[in-house]
Amino acid sequence: MADKYEEWVKNFKWDVPEYYSIADVVDEYAKDRSKVAIYYEDADGNKRKMTYWELSDESNRFGNLLRNLG
């Protein structure tokens, strides 16, 4: 079985379009405000989840901050 996996890894190729933005994917999923993008648990066991909508909102805010900084 390991041989099959190694063969698969050796032959794997990402099929990504020439013009691709992960932001477009996030924004599409963000249409459903309840869809979870990230589940996180820290070393102390504190858990958090972030929806695609929250991820999109935060990334837009960060992008605007960078744009305003020049």
Foldseek 3Di string as FASTA:
>chain_A
DVVVVVVCVVPDDDDDDPDDDVLVVLVVQCVPVVAWDDWDADPVGDIDTHHSVRVNVVVVVVVVVVVVVD
